[in-house]
Amino acid sequence: MDHETAWRSDHGPVPDPVRSTERLDRSEALRLLGTVPLGRIVFTHQALPAIRPMRHVVDGEDVLVRLDEGASHASLVATPGEPGIVLAYEADAIDPDTHLGWSVVVIGYAELVENRDEAERLEVLLDPWSNQPVADVVRIRAELVTGFRLGSQPRPLSAAG
């Protein structure tokens, strides 16, 4: 017997579960994204793909992230008054032992939150993970939201088992 097969004390080996991947609809994907505080922002830096871990909050259908002072955010946002730069934001919750969970990707235009009152309100929600002062808050307007859930079901026992 292989090392991944579990045993039931009363009936012998338990078959490995059947793995499944379920697509999430937009609202469920955004709901799940709102349940975790950390994700990864994907952007272009000096013509190369770059990924950084970030804290986020979901505000309606927008994803908000904070930029610390000194962060190179020229690659993350457009000049005020110009169209936003397209970014991706990904977060997940996948159990390292069972490999069950979910993953969500939001793609959209990024813009600085320029209203100081709104930015201050959002800074409180974006609890820092470093001691760096907040330089800016970036709003990612979700244009495309995709996600999937990794699940499992017990494998049916064979008639011979």
Protein backbone atom coordinates (compact mmCIF):
# COMPACT_ATOMS: atom_id res chain seq x y z
CA MET A 1 0.00 0.00 0.00
CA ASP A 2 1.33 3.49 -0.80
CA HIS A 3 2.13 5.94 2.00
CA GLU A 4 -0.79 8.28 1.14
CA THR A 5 -3.60 5.77 1.70
CA ALA A 6 -5.27 6.19 5.08
CA TRP A 7 -6.74 3.34 7.11
CA ARG A 8 -10.14 3.06 8.71
CA SER A 9 -9.91 1.05 11.91
CA ASP A 10 -13.04 -0.98 11.10
CA HIS A 11 -12.89 -1.46 7.30
CA GLY A 12 -9.35 -1.27 6.00
CA PRO A 13 -7.90 1.38 3.70
CA VAL A 14 -9.74 4.61 2.89
CA PRO A 15 -9.41 5.46 -0.79
CA ASP A 16 -7.83 8.80 -1.72
CA PRO A 17 -10.50 11.47 -2.27
CA VAL A 18 -11.64 12.64 -5.69
CA ARG A 19 -10.24 16.14 -6.26
CA SER A 20 -12.42 18.80 -7.81
CA THR A 21 -12.01 22.35 -9.07
CA GLU A 22 -15.07 24.58 -8.96
CA ARG A 23 -15.18 27.97 -10.69
CA LEU A 24 -16.38 30.77 -8.45
CA ASP A 25 -18.78 33.45 -9.59
CA ARG A 26 -17.75 37.09 -9.23
CA SER A 27 -19.65 37.79 -6.00
CA GLU A 28 -18.38 34.65 -4.23
CA ALA A 29 -14.81 35.35 -5.37
CA LEU A 30 -14.95 38.90 -4.01
CA ARG A 31 -16.54 37.66 -0.76
CA LEU A 32 -13.72 35.16 -0.25
CA LEU A 33 -11.09 37.78 -1.11
CA GLY A 34 -12.53 39.93 1.68
CA THR A 35 -11.96 37.14 4.24
CA VAL A 36 -8.15 37.31 4.10
CA PRO A 37 -5.91 40.33 4.77
CA LEU A 38 -2.94 39.45 2.56
CA GLY A 39 -2.43 38.86 -1.14
CA ARG A 40 -0.03 39.61 -3.98
CA ILE A 41 -0.06 42.53 -6.38
CA VAL A 42 1.21 41.81 -9.90
CA PHE A 43 2.53 44.68 -11.99
CA THR A 44 5.16 45.61 -14.54
CA HIS A 45 8.40 47.12 -13.22
CA GLN A 46 11.06 48.22 -15.72
CA ALA A 47 9.35 46.15 -18.43
CA LEU A 48 9.45 42.97 -16.31
CA PRO A 49 6.71 41.26 -14.30
CA ALA A 50 6.90 41.92 -10.56
CA ILE A 51 4.95 40.55 -7.61
CA ARG A 52 4.78 41.98 -4.09
CA PRO A 53 2.89 40.80 -1.03
CA MET A 54 0.37 43.41 0.16
CA ARG A 55 -2.34 43.92 2.73
CA HIS A 56 -5.72 44.65 1.20
CA VAL A 57 -9.37 45.32 1.90
CA VAL A 58 -12.31 44.83 -0.42
CA ASP A 59 -14.54 47.88 -0.78
CA GLY A 60 -17.60 46.96 -2.84
CA GLU A 61 -16.00 45.50 -5.97
CA ASP A 62 -12.72 47.40 -5.57
CA VAL A 63 -9.53 46.13 -3.96
CA LEU A 64 -7.61 48.68 -1.89
CA VAL A 65 -3.92 48.37 -1.01
CA ARG A 66 -1.58 50.70 0.86
CA LEU A 67 1.80 51.80 -0.37
CA ASP A 68 4.44 52.49 2.24
CA GLU A 69 6.66 55.55 2.06
CA GLY A 70 9.62 54.83 -0.16
CA ALA A 71 7.71 52.22 -2.19
CA SER A 72 8.30 52.55 -5.89
CA HIS A 73 4.75 53.19 -6.95
CA ALA A 74 5.45 54.73 -10.34
CA SER A 75 4.96 51.19 -11.69
CA LEU A 76 1.68 50.76 -9.81
CA VAL A 77 -0.30 53.87 -10.64
CA ALA A 78 -0.69 56.34 -13.48
CA THR A 79 -0.04 60.04 -13.27
CA PRO A 80 -3.13 61.77 -11.83
CA GLY A 81 -5.62 62.60 -14.58
CA GLU A 82 -4.38 59.80 -16.86
CA PRO A 83 -6.03 56.39 -17.30
CA GLY A 84 -5.04 53.86 -14.64
CA ILE A 85 -2.44 51.18 -15.12
CA VAL A 86 -3.74 47.59 -15.36
CA LEU A 87 -2.73 45.45 -12.39
CA ALA A 88 -3.60 42.02 -11.08
CA TYR A 89 -4.20 41.15 -7.45
CA GLU A 90 -4.25 37.56 -6.19
CA ALA A 91 -5.06 36.07 -2.82
CA ASP A 92 -5.78 32.56 -1.67
CA ALA A 93 -6.37 30.31 1.29
CA ILE A 94 -5.07 26.83 0.49
CA ASP A 95 -4.35 24.32 3.24
CA PRO A 96 -0.75 23.07 2.87
CA ASP A 97 -1.64 19.57 4.06
CA THR A 98 -4.93 18.85 2.31
CA HIS A 99 -4.38 21.18 -0.68
CA LEU A 100 -8.00 22.30 -0.31
CA GLY A 101 -9.09 25.94 -0.43
CA TRP A 102 -9.55 28.71 -2.95
CA SER A 103 -7.73 31.28 -5.09
CA VAL A 104 -9.02 34.58 -6.52
CA VAL A 105 -7.52 36.96 -9.10
CA VAL A 106 -8.76 40.51 -9.69
CA ILE A 107 -7.58 42.42 -12.75
CA GLY A 108 -8.32 46.10 -13.12
CA TYR A 109 -7.14 49.67 -13.38
CA ALA A 110 -5.24 51.18 -10.46
CA GLU A 111 -5.69 54.71 -9.24
CA LEU A 112 -4.46 56.68 -6.25
CA VAL A 113 -7.10 57.55 -3.68
CA GLU A 114 -6.64 61.31 -3.78
CA ASN A 115 -9.41 62.39 -1.43
CA ARG A 116 -7.47 62.81 1.84
CA ASP A 117 -10.47 62.04 4.09
CA GLU A 118 -11.20 58.82 2.21
CA ALA A 119 -7.50 57.87 2.17
CA GLU A 120 -7.24 58.36 5.96
CA ARG A 121 -10.36 56.23 6.52
CA LEU A 122 -8.92 53.47 4.34
CA GLU A 123 -5.45 53.64 5.94
CA VAL A 124 -7.04 52.59 9.24
CA LEU A 125 -8.61 49.55 7.52
CA LEU A 126 -5.30 48.67 5.85
CA ASP A 127 -3.53 47.76 9.08
CA PRO A 128 0.21 48.01 8.35
CA TRP A 129 2.51 45.04 8.58
CA SER A 130 5.55 47.28 8.76
CA ASN A 131 6.42 50.43 10.68
CA GLN A 132 6.65 52.43 7.46
CA PRO A 133 4.26 55.38 7.23
CA VAL A 134 1.54 55.11 4.59
CA ALA A 135 2.45 57.03 1.46
CA ASP A 136 -0.67 56.34 -0.58
CA VAL A 137 -3.72 54.14 -0.92
CA VAL A 138 -4.33 52.54 -4.31
CA ARG A 139 -7.77 51.48 -5.53
CA ILE A 140 -7.90 48.64 -8.06
CA ARG A 141 -11.18 48.86 -9.98
CA ALA A 142 -12.10 45.22 -10.58
CA GLU A 143 -12.73 44.71 -14.28
CA LEU A 144 -12.20 40.95 -14.34
CA VAL A 145 -12.66 38.71 -11.30
CA THR A 146 -11.87 35.00 -11.51
CA GLY A 147 -11.54 32.34 -8.87
CA PHE A 148 -11.76 28.67 -8.10
CA ARG A 149 -12.28 26.42 -5.11
CA LEU A 150 -10.21 23.26 -4.67
CA GLY A 151 -12.38 20.59 -3.13
CA SER A 152 -12.58 16.87 -2.57
CA GLN A 153 -15.16 14.17 -2.13
CA PRO A 154 -14.68 10.68 -0.77
CA ARG A 155 -13.90 8.21 -3.54
CA PRO A 156 -16.66 5.60 -3.75
CA LEU A 157 -15.63 2.19 -2.51
CA SER A 158 -15.57 -0.44 -5.23
CA ALA A 159 -18.13 -3.23 -5.10
CA ALA A 160 -15.28 -5.66 -4.52
CA GLY A 161 -14.03 -3.63 -1.49
